[in-house]
Amino acid sequence: MNADTKHAIEHTAIRLRTSLFGLMRQLRQAQPADAIGSARLGVLGALYRLGPMTPTALAAHERVRLQTLTRLLAELEAEGWIVRAPHPDDGRQSMLSLAKLGARRLSADLRRREASLARAIETALTPAQQAALLKACTAIDAVAEALATSTALPSAAAAATAR
């Protein structure tokens, strides 16, 4: 790889990082006070996408220590957003799953977030820019997959198999 190509790739990485962080910051700030917080959103989203799993597998998926999740899981369980059941093969463990209330709240929150983002896309971008953004999503997904396969940290697949 020549120096110009390397510089262009490094510049693209910087722009992508700053753009994504700026977008995520604006998305967080645009949410109403009763929106699901990012930690809860991560837990609920993982249980929705991956299905029931042990607290240990969930912590691995979220890349946090189990002790970090203990209080949050207790709150979500007390509020009826998640349910805990005995592990089918190991009596020392439990399985967490998304309760109906948690699924409803997660869906409502995501619909609200997506509607806000859709309004911003509609007002800020031309149809051609909207099409380019959609194509860019495919590229961003490929970058995310490359990062997931190149990291030594446990991936979602590893967390799912730990169930």
N, C-alpha and C. Protein backbone atom coordinates (compact mmCIF):
# COMPACT_ATOMS: atom_id res chain seq x y z
N MET A 1 0.86 -1.17 0.00
CA MET A 1 0.00 0.00 0.00
C MET A 1 0.91 1.24 0.00
N ASN A 2 0.60 2.15 -0.90
CA ASN A 2 1.43 3.36 -0.97
C ASN A 2 1.01 4.36 0.11
N ALA A 3 1.82 5.38 0.29
CA ALA A 3 1.59 6.36 1.36
C ALA A 3 0.29 7.13 1.17
N ASP A 4 -0.06 7.46 -0.08
CA ASP A 4 -1.31 8.19 -0.33
C ASP A 4 -2.53 7.35 0.03
N THR A 5 -2.48 6.09 -0.33
CA THR A 5 -3.59 5.18 -0.01
C THR A 5 -3.72 5.01 1.49
N LYS A 6 -2.57 4.82 2.16
CA LYS A 6 -2.58 4.67 3.61
C LYS A 6 -3.15 5.92 4.28
N HIS A 7 -2.75 7.10 3.81
CA HIS A 7 -3.25 8.36 4.36
C HIS A 7 -4.76 8.47 4.14
N ALA A 8 -5.23 8.11 2.96
CA ALA A 8 -6.67 8.19 2.65
C ALA A 8 -7.47 7.25 3.55
N ILE A 9 -6.95 6.07 3.79
CA ILE A 9 -7.66 5.11 4.66
C ILE A 9 -7.67 5.63 6.10
N GLU A 10 -6.55 6.17 6.57
CA GLU A 10 -6.50 6.72 7.92
C GLU A 10 -7.46 7.90 8.06
N HIS A 11 -7.52 8.75 7.03
CA HIS A 11 -8.45 9.89 7.05
C HIS A 11 -9.89 9.39 7.09
N THR A 12 -10.19 8.37 6.31
CA THR A 12 -11.54 7.80 6.30
C THR A 12 -11.89 7.24 7.68
N ALA A 13 -10.95 6.57 8.32
CA ALA A 13 -11.19 6.02 9.66
C ALA A 13 -11.50 7.15 10.66
N ILE A 14 -10.75 8.22 10.58
CA ILE A 14 -10.98 9.36 11.48
C ILE A 14 -12.35 9.97 11.23
N ARG A 15 -12.69 10.20 9.97
CA ARG A 15 -13.99 10.79 9.62
C ARG A 15 -15.14 9.88 10.04
N LEU A 16 -14.98 8.58 9.83
CA LEU A 16 -16.03 7.64 10.21
C LEU A 16 -16.24 7.67 11.73
N ARG A 17 -15.14 7.61 12.48
CA ARG A 17 -15.25 7.64 13.94
C ARG A 17 -15.91 8.92 14.42
N THR A 18 -15.46 10.05 13.93
CA THR A 18 -16.03 11.31 14.41
C THR A 18 -17.49 11.47 13.98
N SER A 19 -17.81 11.02 12.78
CA SER A 19 -19.20 11.11 12.32
C SER A 19 -20.11 10.22 13.15
N LEU A 20 -19.68 8.98 13.39
CA LEU A 20 -20.51 8.06 14.17
C LEU A 20 -20.68 8.53 15.61
N PHE A 21 -19.59 8.99 16.22
CA PHE A 21 -19.70 9.47 17.60
C PHE A 21 -20.59 10.70 17.67
N GLY A 22 -20.45 11.60 16.70
CA GLY A 22 -21.31 12.79 16.69
C GLY A 22 -22.77 12.42 16.51
N LEU A 23 -23.05 11.48 15.62
CA LEU A 23 -24.42 11.02 15.41
C LEU A 23 -24.96 10.37 16.68
N MET A 24 -24.19 9.51 17.30
CA MET A 24 -24.65 8.83 18.51
C MET A 24 -24.90 9.83 19.64
N ARG A 25 -24.04 10.83 19.76
CA ARG A 25 -24.23 11.86 20.79
C ARG A 25 -25.54 12.61 20.53
N GLN A 26 -25.81 12.98 19.29
CA GLN A 26 -27.05 13.69 18.97
C GLN A 26 -28.27 12.81 19.19
N LEU A 27 -28.16 11.53 18.86
CA LEU A 27 -29.29 10.62 19.09
C LEU A 27 -29.60 10.51 20.58
N ARG A 28 -28.56 10.41 21.41
CA ARG A 28 -28.77 10.34 22.86
C ARG A 28 -29.41 11.62 23.38
N GLN A 29 -28.91 12.76 22.92
CA GLN A 29 -29.42 14.04 23.41
C GLN A 29 -30.84 14.31 22.93
N ALA A 30 -31.23 13.73 21.82
CA ALA A 30 -32.57 13.97 21.27
C ALA A 30 -33.64 13.12 21.93
N GLN A 31 -33.24 12.17 22.75
CA GLN A 31 -34.20 11.28 23.38
C GLN A 31 -34.89 11.94 24.55
N PRO A 32 -36.18 11.66 24.73
CA PRO A 32 -36.88 12.22 25.89
C PRO A 32 -36.35 11.59 27.19
N ALA A 33 -36.68 12.21 28.29
CA ALA A 33 -36.18 11.76 29.59
C ALA A 33 -36.60 10.33 29.92
N ASP A 34 -37.76 9.90 29.39
CA ASP A 34 -38.24 8.55 29.71
C ASP A 34 -37.73 7.49 28.74
N ALA A 35 -36.82 7.84 27.84
CA ALA A 35 -36.27 6.86 26.91
C ALA A 35 -35.43 5.84 27.68
N ILE A 36 -35.30 4.67 27.11
CA ILE A 36 -34.49 3.62 27.73
C ILE A 36 -33.03 4.04 27.65
N GLY A 37 -32.33 3.97 28.76
CA GLY A 37 -30.91 4.32 28.80
C GLY A 37 -30.07 3.32 28.03
N SER A 38 -28.85 3.71 27.72
CA SER A 38 -28.00 2.88 26.87
C SER A 38 -27.67 1.52 27.49
N ALA A 39 -27.45 1.46 28.79
CA ALA A 39 -27.15 0.18 29.42
C ALA A 39 -28.35 -0.76 29.34
N ARG A 40 -29.53 -0.23 29.65
CA ARG A 40 -30.75 -1.04 29.55
C ARG A 40 -31.00 -1.44 28.10
N LEU A 41 -30.79 -0.51 27.20
CA LEU A 41 -31.01 -0.79 25.78
C LEU A 41 -30.09 -1.92 25.31
N GLY A 42 -28.85 -1.91 25.76
CA GLY A 42 -27.92 -2.97 25.39
C GLY A 42 -28.37 -4.33 25.88
N VAL A 43 -28.78 -4.40 27.13
CA VAL A 43 -29.23 -5.67 27.72
C VAL A 43 -30.50 -6.17 27.05
N LEU A 44 -31.49 -5.29 26.93
CA LEU A 44 -32.76 -5.68 26.33
C LEU A 44 -32.57 -6.06 24.87
N GLY A 45 -31.77 -5.30 24.16
CA GLY A 45 -31.51 -5.60 22.75
C GLY A 45 -30.81 -6.93 22.57
N ALA A 46 -29.85 -7.24 23.42
CA ALA A 46 -29.15 -8.52 23.33
C ALA A 46 -30.11 -9.68 23.58
N LEU A 47 -30.96 -9.55 24.59
CA LEU A 47 -31.92 -10.62 24.87
C LEU A 47 -32.94 -10.75 23.74
N TYR A 48 -33.29 -9.66 23.10
CA TYR A 48 -34.23 -9.70 21.98
C TYR A 48 -33.59 -10.40 20.78
N ARG A 49 -32.34 -10.00 20.44
CA ARG A 49 -31.68 -10.54 19.26
C ARG A 49 -31.18 -11.97 19.45
N LEU A 50 -30.61 -12.25 20.62
CA LEU A 50 -29.94 -13.53 20.82
C LEU A 50 -30.78 -14.54 21.58
N GLY A 51 -31.86 -14.08 22.21
CA GLY A 51 -32.71 -14.99 22.97
C GLY A 51 -32.18 -15.20 24.38
N PRO A 52 -32.80 -16.12 25.10
CA PRO A 52 -32.41 -16.35 26.50
C PRO A 52 -30.93 -16.70 26.63
N MET A 53 -30.33 -16.19 27.69
CA MET A 53 -28.92 -16.50 27.96
C MET A 53 -28.64 -16.32 29.44
N THR A 54 -27.53 -16.86 29.85
CA THR A 54 -27.12 -16.74 31.25
C THR A 54 -26.62 -15.31 31.50
N PRO A 55 -26.65 -14.88 32.75
CA PRO A 55 -26.06 -13.58 33.06
C PRO A 55 -24.59 -13.49 32.64
N THR A 56 -23.86 -14.59 32.79
CA THR A 56 -22.45 -14.61 32.40
C THR A 56 -22.29 -14.40 30.90
N ALA A 57 -23.12 -15.07 30.11
CA ALA A 57 -23.06 -14.90 28.65
C ALA A 57 -23.46 -13.48 28.26
N LEU A 58 -24.44 -12.93 28.94
CA LEU A 58 -24.87 -11.56 28.66
C LEU A 58 -23.74 -10.58 28.97
N ALA A 59 -23.08 -10.77 30.10
CA ALA A 59 -21.96 -9.89 30.46
C ALA A 59 -20.85 -10.00 29.42
N ALA A 60 -20.57 -11.21 28.95
CA ALA A 60 -19.55 -11.39 27.91
C ALA A 60 -19.97 -10.67 26.62
N HIS A 61 -21.22 -10.79 26.27
CA HIS A 61 -21.71 -10.13 25.06
C HIS A 61 -21.60 -8.61 25.18
N GLU A 62 -21.96 -8.08 26.34
CA GLU A 62 -21.91 -6.63 26.57
C GLU A 62 -20.49 -6.15 26.89
N ARG A 63 -19.58 -7.11 27.05
CA ARG A 63 -18.18 -6.83 27.34
C ARG A 63 -18.01 -6.03 28.63
N VAL A 64 -18.73 -6.50 29.64
CA VAL A 64 -18.60 -5.93 30.98
C VAL A 64 -18.46 -7.08 31.97
N ARG A 65 -18.02 -6.77 33.18
CA ARG A 65 -17.93 -7.80 34.21
C ARG A 65 -19.34 -8.11 34.71
N LEU A 66 -19.56 -9.33 35.12
CA LEU A 66 -20.87 -9.74 35.61
C LEU A 66 -21.33 -8.85 36.77
N GLN A 67 -20.40 -8.49 37.65
CA GLN A 67 -20.74 -7.64 38.78
C GLN A 67 -21.31 -6.30 38.33
N THR A 68 -20.87 -5.82 37.18
CA THR A 68 -21.37 -4.56 36.64
C THR A 68 -22.85 -4.65 36.27
N LEU A 69 -23.27 -5.84 35.81
CA LEU A 69 -24.66 -6.02 35.38
C LEU A 69 -25.61 -6.42 36.50
N THR A 70 -25.11 -6.89 37.60
CA THR A 70 -25.95 -7.46 38.65
C THR A 70 -27.09 -6.52 39.07
N ARG A 71 -26.76 -5.29 39.38
CA ARG A 71 -27.79 -4.33 39.82
C ARG A 71 -28.79 -4.03 38.71
N LEU A 72 -28.30 -3.81 37.49
CA LEU A 72 -29.18 -3.52 36.36
C LEU A 72 -30.13 -4.69 36.10
N LEU A 73 -29.62 -5.91 36.15
CA LEU A 73 -30.48 -7.08 35.94
C LEU A 73 -31.54 -7.19 37.03
N ALA A 74 -31.16 -6.90 38.26
CA ALA A 74 -32.13 -6.94 39.37
C ALA A 74 -33.23 -5.89 39.15
N GLU A 75 -32.84 -4.70 38.71
CA GLU A 75 -33.83 -3.64 38.44
C GLU A 75 -34.77 -4.05 37.31
N LEU A 76 -34.21 -4.54 36.22
CA LEU A 76 -35.04 -4.94 35.07
C LEU A 76 -35.98 -6.09 35.45
N GLU A 77 -35.51 -6.99 36.27
CA GLU A 77 -36.35 -8.11 36.72
C GLU A 77 -37.46 -7.60 37.64
N ALA A 78 -37.12 -6.72 38.57
CA ALA A 78 -38.11 -6.17 39.50
C ALA A 78 -39.19 -5.37 38.77
N GLU A 79 -38.80 -4.71 37.69
CA GLU A 79 -39.74 -3.91 36.91
C GLU A 79 -40.54 -4.75 35.91
N GLY A 80 -40.22 -6.04 35.82
CA GLY A 80 -40.96 -6.92 34.92
C GLY A 80 -40.53 -6.85 33.47
N TRP A 81 -39.34 -6.32 33.21
CA TRP A 81 -38.85 -6.20 31.83
C TRP A 81 -38.12 -7.46 31.37
N ILE A 82 -37.51 -8.17 32.32
CA ILE A 82 -36.86 -9.45 32.01
C ILE A 82 -37.34 -10.48 33.02
N VAL A 83 -37.21 -11.74 32.65
CA VAL A 83 -37.56 -12.83 33.57
C VAL A 83 -36.35 -13.74 33.72
N ARG A 84 -36.25 -14.31 34.89
CA ARG A 84 -35.16 -15.23 35.21
C ARG A 84 -35.78 -16.60 35.45
N ALA A 85 -35.19 -17.61 34.83
CA ALA A 85 -35.67 -18.99 34.99
C ALA A 85 -34.46 -19.88 35.28
N PRO A 86 -34.71 -21.04 35.88
CA PRO A 86 -33.60 -21.95 36.12
C PRO A 86 -32.97 -22.41 34.79
N HIS A 87 -31.66 -22.59 34.81
CA HIS A 87 -30.95 -23.10 33.64
C HIS A 87 -31.38 -24.56 33.45
N PRO A 88 -31.69 -24.97 32.23
CA PRO A 88 -32.18 -26.34 32.02
C PRO A 88 -31.15 -27.43 32.30
N ASP A 89 -29.86 -27.11 32.20
CA ASP A 89 -28.82 -28.12 32.37
C ASP A 89 -27.94 -27.92 33.59
N ASP A 90 -27.98 -26.75 34.20
CA ASP A 90 -27.08 -26.43 35.29
C ASP A 90 -27.84 -25.68 36.37
N GLY A 91 -28.16 -26.36 37.45
CA GLY A 91 -28.94 -25.77 38.52
C GLY A 91 -28.28 -24.60 39.21
N ARG A 92 -26.98 -24.43 39.01
CA ARG A 92 -26.27 -23.31 39.64
C ARG A 92 -26.46 -22.01 38.88
N GLN A 93 -26.97 -22.10 37.66
CA GLN A 93 -27.12 -20.91 36.82
C GLN A 93 -28.59 -20.61 36.55
N SER A 94 -28.81 -19.42 36.03
CA SER A 94 -30.17 -19.04 35.62
C SER A 94 -30.12 -18.55 34.18
N MET A 95 -31.28 -18.52 33.58
CA MET A 95 -31.42 -18.02 32.21
C MET A 95 -32.25 -16.75 32.25
N LEU A 96 -31.80 -15.74 31.54
CA LEU A 96 -32.53 -14.48 31.44
C LEU A 96 -33.21 -14.42 30.09
N SER A 97 -34.42 -13.89 30.07
CA SER A 97 -35.10 -13.67 28.80
C SER A 97 -35.91 -12.39 28.89
N LEU A 98 -36.28 -11.89 27.74
CA LEU A 98 -37.04 -10.66 27.64
C LEU A 98 -38.51 -10.96 27.96
N ALA A 99 -39.07 -10.24 28.93
CA ALA A 99 -40.48 -10.38 29.27
C ALA A 99 -41.32 -9.61 28.24
N LYS A 100 -42.62 -9.89 28.19
CA LYS A 100 -43.49 -9.19 27.24
C LYS A 100 -43.44 -7.68 27.45
N LEU A 101 -43.44 -7.24 28.70
CA LEU A 101 -43.36 -5.81 28.99
C LEU A 101 -42.06 -5.24 28.45
N GLY A 102 -40.95 -5.93 28.66
CA GLY A 102 -39.66 -5.47 28.15
C GLY A 102 -39.64 -5.39 26.63
N ALA A 103 -40.24 -6.38 25.98
CA ALA A 103 -40.30 -6.38 24.51
C ALA A 103 -41.13 -5.21 24.01
N ARG A 104 -42.26 -4.94 24.67
CA ARG A 104 -43.11 -3.81 24.26
C ARG A 104 -42.38 -2.48 24.45
N ARG A 105 -41.75 -2.31 25.60
CA ARG A 105 -41.03 -1.05 25.87
C ARG A 105 -39.86 -0.88 24.91
N LEU A 106 -39.13 -1.96 24.65
CA LEU A 106 -38.00 -1.90 23.72
C LEU A 106 -38.49 -1.53 22.33
N SER A 107 -39.54 -2.17 21.86
CA SER A 107 -40.08 -1.88 20.52
C SER A 107 -40.55 -0.43 20.41
N ALA A 108 -41.26 0.05 21.44
CA ALA A 108 -41.75 1.43 21.41
C ALA A 108 -40.58 2.41 21.39
N ASP A 109 -39.56 2.15 22.20
CA ASP A 109 -38.42 3.04 22.26
C ASP A 109 -37.67 3.05 20.93
N LEU A 110 -37.48 1.88 20.33
CA LEU A 110 -36.78 1.81 19.06
C LEU A 110 -37.57 2.48 17.95
N ARG A 111 -38.89 2.31 17.95
CA ARG A 111 -39.72 2.99 16.94
C ARG A 111 -39.58 4.51 17.06
N ARG A 112 -39.57 5.00 18.29
CA ARG A 112 -39.42 6.44 18.52
C ARG A 112 -38.04 6.91 18.04
N ARG A 113 -37.00 6.16 18.35
CA ARG A 113 -35.65 6.53 17.92
C ARG A 113 -35.55 6.52 16.40
N GLU A 114 -36.08 5.48 15.77
CA GLU A 114 -36.00 5.36 14.32
C GLU A 114 -36.82 6.46 13.63
N ALA A 115 -37.96 6.83 14.19
CA ALA A 115 -38.78 7.90 13.61
C ALA A 115 -38.02 9.23 13.68
N SER A 116 -37.35 9.48 14.79
CA SER A 116 -36.56 10.70 14.94
C SER A 116 -35.44 10.74 13.91
N LEU A 117 -34.77 9.63 13.75
CA LEU A 117 -33.68 9.54 12.78
C LEU A 117 -34.21 9.69 11.35
N ALA A 118 -35.35 9.07 11.07
CA ALA A 118 -35.94 9.18 9.73
C ALA A 118 -36.32 10.62 9.40
N ARG A 119 -36.87 11.33 10.38
CA ARG A 119 -37.21 12.75 10.16
C ARG A 119 -35.96 13.57 9.84
N ALA A 120 -34.88 13.29 10.57
CA ALA A 120 -33.64 14.03 10.33
C ALA A 120 -33.08 13.72 8.94
N ILE A 121 -33.13 12.46 8.54
CA ILE A 121 -32.66 12.07 7.22
C ILE A 121 -33.49 12.76 6.13
N GLU A 122 -34.79 12.76 6.32
CA GLU A 122 -35.69 13.36 5.33
C GLU A 122 -35.45 14.86 5.18
N THR A 123 -35.24 15.54 6.30
CA THR A 123 -35.09 17.00 6.23
C THR A 123 -33.68 17.45 5.87
N ALA A 124 -32.67 16.65 6.20
CA ALA A 124 -31.29 17.09 6.00
C ALA A 124 -30.67 16.63 4.69
N LEU A 125 -31.22 15.57 4.09
CA LEU A 125 -30.57 14.98 2.92
C LEU A 125 -31.47 15.00 1.69
N THR A 126 -30.83 15.18 0.55
CA THR A 126 -31.55 15.06 -0.71
C THR A 126 -31.82 13.58 -0.97
N PRO A 127 -32.72 13.26 -1.90
CA PRO A 127 -32.93 11.85 -2.24
C PRO A 127 -31.64 11.13 -2.67
N ALA A 128 -30.78 11.81 -3.40
CA ALA A 128 -29.51 11.20 -3.81
C ALA A 128 -28.62 10.93 -2.58
N GLN A 129 -28.60 11.86 -1.64
CA GLN A 129 -27.81 11.65 -0.42
C GLN A 129 -28.41 10.53 0.43
N GLN A 130 -29.73 10.45 0.46
CA GLN A 130 -30.39 9.36 1.19
C GLN A 130 -29.98 8.01 0.60
N ALA A 131 -29.95 7.91 -0.73
CA ALA A 131 -29.53 6.66 -1.38
C ALA A 131 -28.07 6.35 -1.07
N ALA A 132 -27.22 7.38 -1.09
CA ALA A 132 -25.80 7.19 -0.78
C ALA A 132 -25.63 6.73 0.67
N LEU A 133 -26.42 7.30 1.58
CA LEU A 133 -26.35 6.90 2.98
C LEU A 133 -26.75 5.43 3.15
N LEU A 134 -27.77 5.02 2.44
CA LEU A 134 -28.18 3.62 2.50
C LEU A 134 -27.06 2.71 2.01
N LYS A 135 -26.41 3.07 0.94
CA LYS A 135 -25.26 2.28 0.44
C LYS A 135 -24.13 2.29 1.46
N ALA A 136 -23.91 3.43 2.10
CA ALA A 136 -22.85 3.53 3.10
C ALA A 136 -23.11 2.60 4.28
N CYS A 137 -24.38 2.36 4.59
CA CYS A 137 -24.71 1.44 5.69
C CYS A 137 -24.15 0.05 5.43
N THR A 138 -24.18 -0.39 4.18
CA THR A 138 -23.62 -1.70 3.83
C THR A 138 -22.12 -1.71 4.10
N ALA A 139 -21.45 -0.62 3.75
CA ALA A 139 -20.01 -0.53 3.99
C ALA A 139 -19.71 -0.49 5.49
N ILE A 140 -20.52 0.25 6.24
CA ILE A 140 -20.33 0.33 7.69
C ILE A 140 -20.54 -1.05 8.33
N ASP A 141 -21.55 -1.78 7.85
CA ASP A 141 -21.78 -3.14 8.35
C ASP A 141 -20.56 -4.02 8.09
N ALA A 142 -19.94 -3.89 6.93
CA ALA A 142 -18.76 -4.68 6.60
C ALA A 142 -17.58 -4.33 7.52
N VAL A 143 -17.43 -3.04 7.82
CA VAL A 143 -16.37 -2.61 8.74
C VAL A 143 -16.64 -3.18 10.13
N ALA A 144 -17.89 -3.13 10.58
CA ALA A 144 -18.24 -3.67 11.90
C ALA A 144 -17.95 -5.16 11.95
N GLU A 145 -18.28 -5.88 10.90
CA GLU A 145 -18.01 -7.32 10.86
C GLU A 145 -16.51 -7.59 10.89
N ALA A 146 -15.73 -6.80 10.16
CA ALA A 146 -14.28 -6.96 10.17
C ALA A 146 -13.71 -6.72 11.57
N LEU A 147 -14.24 -5.71 12.26
CA LEU A 147 -13.80 -5.45 13.62
C LEU A 147 -14.18 -6.61 14.54
N ALA A 148 -15.38 -7.15 14.37
CA ALA A 148 -15.84 -8.25 15.22
C ALA A 148 -14.99 -9.50 15.03
N THR A 149 -14.59 -9.77 13.81
CA THR A 149 -13.81 -10.99 13.56
C THR A 149 -12.34 -10.81 13.87
N SER A 150 -11.86 -9.56 13.98
CA SER A 150 -10.44 -9.35 14.23
C SER A 150 -10.11 -9.13 15.70
N THR A 151 -11.12 -9.01 16.53
CA THR A 151 -10.86 -8.70 17.94
C THR A 151 -10.70 -9.98 18.75
N ALA A 152 -9.94 -9.88 19.82
CA ALA A 152 -9.75 -11.03 20.70
C ALA A 152 -10.84 -11.12 21.75
N LEU A 153 -11.66 -10.06 21.88
CA LEU A 153 -12.73 -10.07 22.87
C LEU A 153 -13.84 -10.98 22.41
N PRO A 154 -14.65 -11.52 23.33
CA PRO A 154 -15.72 -12.42 22.94
C PRO A 154 -16.73 -11.72 22.04
N SER A 155 -17.15 -12.41 21.01
CA SER A 155 -18.13 -11.85 20.09
C SER A 155 -19.53 -12.26 20.49
N ALA A 156 -20.51 -11.76 19.80
CA ALA A 156 -21.90 -12.12 20.06
C ALA A 156 -22.09 -13.62 19.86
N ALA A 157 -21.42 -14.19 18.86
CA ALA A 157 -21.55 -15.62 18.61
C ALA A 157 -21.00 -16.43 19.79
N ALA A 158 -19.87 -15.98 20.33
CA ALA A 158 -19.29 -16.67 21.47
C ALA A 158 -20.21 -16.57 22.68
N ALA A 159 -20.80 -15.40 22.86
CA ALA A 159 -21.72 -15.22 23.99
C ALA A 159 -22.96 -16.09 23.81
N ALA A 160 -23.43 -16.19 22.59
CA ALA A 160 -24.62 -17.01 22.33
C ALA A 160 -24.34 -18.49 22.58
N THR A 161 -23.13 -18.95 22.24
CA THR A 161 -22.82 -20.36 22.47
C THR A 161 -22.58 -20.66 23.94
N ALA A 162 -22.33 -19.62 24.73
CA ALA A 162 -22.13 -19.81 26.16
C ALA A 162 -23.46 -19.99 26.90
N ARG A 163 -24.55 -19.85 26.18
CA ARG A 163 -25.87 -20.00 26.81
C ARG A 163 -26.00 -21.37 27.30
